Amino acid sequence: MSKTEYKDFLKNGFKFDPTDTRGGISVTSVKVDPKNPDSIKRSTGALGADYYVDIDTKNKNVELKGKTKGGVMDWKIKDDVSPSDVKNKGEVSKC
């Protein structure tokens, strides 16, 4: 995600809107190492990969969407996400 999206997410979280055509937040597994933004973009199809947020989805409505272009499992969080749901966060390493 971009720096602006990152700051907004950490401050406000995400309010799920069932009428939104995007269907929630698109997320990948924590198995994607937060290194090399270009590699992350290729494997996940993300538009920006400068920052990452690990979300605790234990009590969330999460559905499998399919695989990304790079073959990584793509999930949709169809639920509200509060800043307290963030378990880890940071800037993606450039190396």
C-alpha atoms as a PDB file:
ATOM      1  CA  MET A   1       0.000   0.000   0.000  1.00  0.00           C
ATOM      2  CA  SER A   2       1.053   3.599  -0.446  1.00  0.00           C
ATOM      3  CA  LYS A   3       2.215   5.832   2.414  1.00  0.00           C
ATOM      4  CA  THR A   4      -1.109   7.725   2.397  1.00  0.00           C
ATOM      5  CA  GLU A   5      -3.169   4.500   2.476  1.00  0.00           C
ATOM      6  CA  TYR A   6      -0.906   3.116   5.207  1.00  0.00           C
ATOM      7  CA  LYS A   7      -1.281   6.133   7.509  1.00  0.00           C
ATOM      8  CA  ASP A   8      -5.040   6.293   6.949  1.00  0.00           C
ATOM      9  CA  PHE A   9      -5.448   2.564   7.626  1.00  0.00           C
ATOM     10  CA  LEU A  10      -3.441   2.696  10.862  1.00  0.00           C
ATOM     11  CA  LYS A  11      -5.456   5.696  12.066  1.00  0.00           C
ATOM     12  CA  ASN A  12      -8.979   4.761  10.925  1.00  0.00           C
ATOM     13  CA  GLY A  13      -8.974   1.075  10.028  1.00  0.00           C
ATOM     14  CA  PHE A  14     -11.413  -0.075   7.341  1.00  0.00           C
ATOM     15  CA  LYS A  15     -15.213   0.098   7.331  1.00  0.00           C
ATOM     16  CA  PHE A  16     -16.683  -2.755   5.281  1.00  0.00           C
ATOM     17  CA  ASP A  17     -19.448  -1.718   2.876  1.00  0.00           C
ATOM     18  CA  PRO A  18     -21.332  -4.716   1.439  1.00  0.00           C
ATOM     19  CA  THR A  19     -22.544  -2.578  -1.495  1.00  0.00           C
ATOM     20  CA  ASP A  20     -18.974  -1.736  -2.579  1.00  0.00           C
ATOM     21  CA  THR A  21     -18.148  -3.641  -5.780  1.00  0.00           C
ATOM     22  CA  ARG A  22     -14.610  -4.404  -4.535  1.00  0.00           C
ATOM     23  CA  GLY A  23     -16.107  -6.740  -1.923  1.00  0.00           C
ATOM     24  CA  GLY A  24     -13.782  -5.930   0.976  1.00  0.00           C
ATOM     25  CA  ILE A  25     -10.027  -5.732   1.461  1.00  0.00           C
ATOM     26  CA  SER A  26      -7.863  -7.882  -0.796  1.00  0.00           C
ATOM     27  CA  VAL A  27      -5.138  -9.546   1.260  1.00  0.00           C
ATOM     28  CA  THR A  28      -2.450 -12.179   0.855  1.00  0.00           C
ATOM     29  CA  SER A  29      -0.815 -14.518   3.343  1.00  0.00           C
ATOM     30  CA  VAL A  30       1.781 -13.516   5.905  1.00  0.00           C
ATOM     31  CA  LYS A  31       4.030 -15.917   4.014  1.00  0.00           C
ATOM     32  CA  VAL A  32       4.763 -13.059   1.569  1.00  0.00           C
ATOM     33  CA  ASP A  33       8.045 -11.628   2.860  1.00  0.00           C
ATOM     34  CA  PRO A  34       7.908  -7.801   3.141  1.00  0.00           C
ATOM     35  CA  LYS A  35      11.005  -7.322   0.973  1.00  0.00           C
ATOM     36  CA  ASN A  36      11.488  -6.031  -2.562  1.00  0.00           C
ATOM     37  CA  PRO A  37       8.410  -3.963  -3.561  1.00  0.00           C
ATOM     38  CA  ASP A  38       8.772  -4.879  -7.246  1.00  0.00           C
ATOM     39  CA  SER A  39       8.690  -8.600  -6.456  1.00  0.00           C
ATOM     40  CA  ILE A  40       5.607  -8.138  -4.262  1.00  0.00           C
ATOM     41  CA  LYS A  41       3.840  -6.201  -7.018  1.00  0.00           C
ATOM     42  CA  ARG A  42       4.589  -8.990  -9.508  1.00  0.00           C
ATOM     43  CA  SER A  43       3.469 -11.814  -7.243  1.00  0.00           C
ATOM     44  CA  THR A  44       0.356 -10.159  -5.799  1.00  0.00           C
ATOM     45  CA  GLY A  45      -0.766  -7.737  -8.504  1.00  0.00           C
ATOM     46  CA  ALA A  46      -0.675  -4.876  -5.987  1.00  0.00           C
ATOM     47  CA  LEU A  47      -0.485  -1.344  -7.358  1.00  0.00           C
ATOM     48  CA  GLY A  48       1.735  -0.236  -4.502  1.00  0.00           C
ATOM     49  CA  ALA A  49       3.939  -2.209  -2.145  1.00  0.00           C
ATOM     50  CA  ASP A  50       5.780   0.369  -0.071  1.00  0.00           C
ATOM     51  CA  TYR A  51       4.168  -0.531   3.270  1.00  0.00           C
ATOM     52  CA  TYR A  52       2.575  -3.641   4.746  1.00  0.00           C
ATOM     53  CA  VAL A  53       0.064  -4.355   7.512  1.00  0.00           C
ATOM     54  CA  ASP A  54      -0.516  -7.755   9.145  1.00  0.00           C
ATOM     55  CA  ILE A  55      -4.148  -8.067  10.255  1.00  0.00           C
ATOM     56  CA  ASP A  56      -5.473 -10.513  12.834  1.00  0.00           C
ATOM     57  CA  THR A  57      -8.317 -12.196  10.930  1.00  0.00           C
ATOM     58  CA  LYS A  58      -9.213 -14.753  13.613  1.00  0.00           C
ATOM     59  CA  ASN A  59     -12.718 -13.334  14.211  1.00  0.00           C
ATOM     60  CA  LYS A  60     -13.235 -11.808  10.754  1.00  0.00           C
ATOM     61  CA  ASN A  61     -15.313 -12.890   7.782  1.00  0.00           C
ATOM     62  CA  VAL A  62     -12.606 -13.900   5.294  1.00  0.00           C
ATOM     63  CA  GLU A  63     -13.272 -15.588   1.947  1.00  0.00           C
ATOM     64  CA  LEU A  64     -10.895 -17.083  -0.593  1.00  0.00           C
ATOM     65  CA  LYS A  65     -10.981 -15.064  -3.795  1.00  0.00           C
ATOM     66  CA  GLY A  66      -8.509 -17.159  -5.779  1.00  0.00           C
ATOM     67  CA  LYS A  67      -4.898 -16.794  -6.826  1.00  0.00           C
ATOM     68  CA  THR A  68      -3.058 -13.659  -7.881  1.00  0.00           C
ATOM     69  CA  LYS A  69      -1.213 -13.387 -11.202  1.00  0.00           C
ATOM     70  CA  GLY A  70       1.902 -14.577  -9.407  1.00  0.00           C
ATOM     71  CA  GLY A  71       0.166 -17.598  -7.873  1.00  0.00           C
ATOM     72  CA  VAL A  72      -0.206 -16.263  -4.317  1.00  0.00           C
ATOM     73  CA  MET A  73      -3.526 -17.024  -2.582  1.00  0.00           C
ATOM     74  CA  ASP A  74      -5.756 -13.926  -2.556  1.00  0.00           C
ATOM     75  CA  TRP A  75      -8.299 -13.476   0.237  1.00  0.00           C
ATOM     76  CA  LYS A  76     -11.035 -10.897   0.871  1.00  0.00           C
ATOM     77  CA  ILE A  77     -11.734  -9.567   4.347  1.00  0.00           C
ATOM     78  CA  LYS A  78     -15.464  -8.872   4.280  1.00  0.00           C
ATOM     79  CA  ASP A  79     -15.613  -7.245   7.676  1.00  0.00           C
ATOM     80  CA  ASP A  80     -14.680  -4.057   9.517  1.00  0.00           C
ATOM     81  CA  VAL A  81     -11.014  -3.835  10.484  1.00  0.00           C
ATOM     82  CA  SER A  82     -10.034  -1.600  13.384  1.00  0.00           C
ATOM     83  CA  PRO A  83      -6.540  -0.268  14.141  1.00  0.00           C
ATOM     84  CA  SER A  84      -6.426  -2.713  17.085  1.00  0.00           C
ATOM     85  CA  ASP A  85      -6.635  -5.627  14.602  1.00  0.00           C
ATOM     86  CA  VAL A  86      -3.189  -4.667  13.248  1.00  0.00           C
ATOM     87  CA  LYS A  87      -0.617  -7.107  14.643  1.00  0.00           C
ATOM     88  CA  ASN A  88       2.455  -6.014  12.691  1.00  0.00           C
ATOM     89  CA  LYS A  89       3.255  -3.219  10.266  1.00  0.00           C
ATOM     90  CA  GLY A  90       6.111  -1.492   8.547  1.00  0.00           C
ATOM     91  CA  GLU A  91       7.872  -0.344   5.443  1.00  0.00           C
ATOM     92  CA  VAL A  92       8.711  -2.914   2.784  1.00  0.00           C
ATOM     93  CA  SER A  93      12.479  -3.422   2.574  1.00  0.00           C
ATOM     94  CA  LYS A  94      13.996  -2.332  -0.749  1.00  0.00           C
ATOM     95  CA  CYS A  95      16.445  -5.267  -0.860  1.00  0.00           C
END
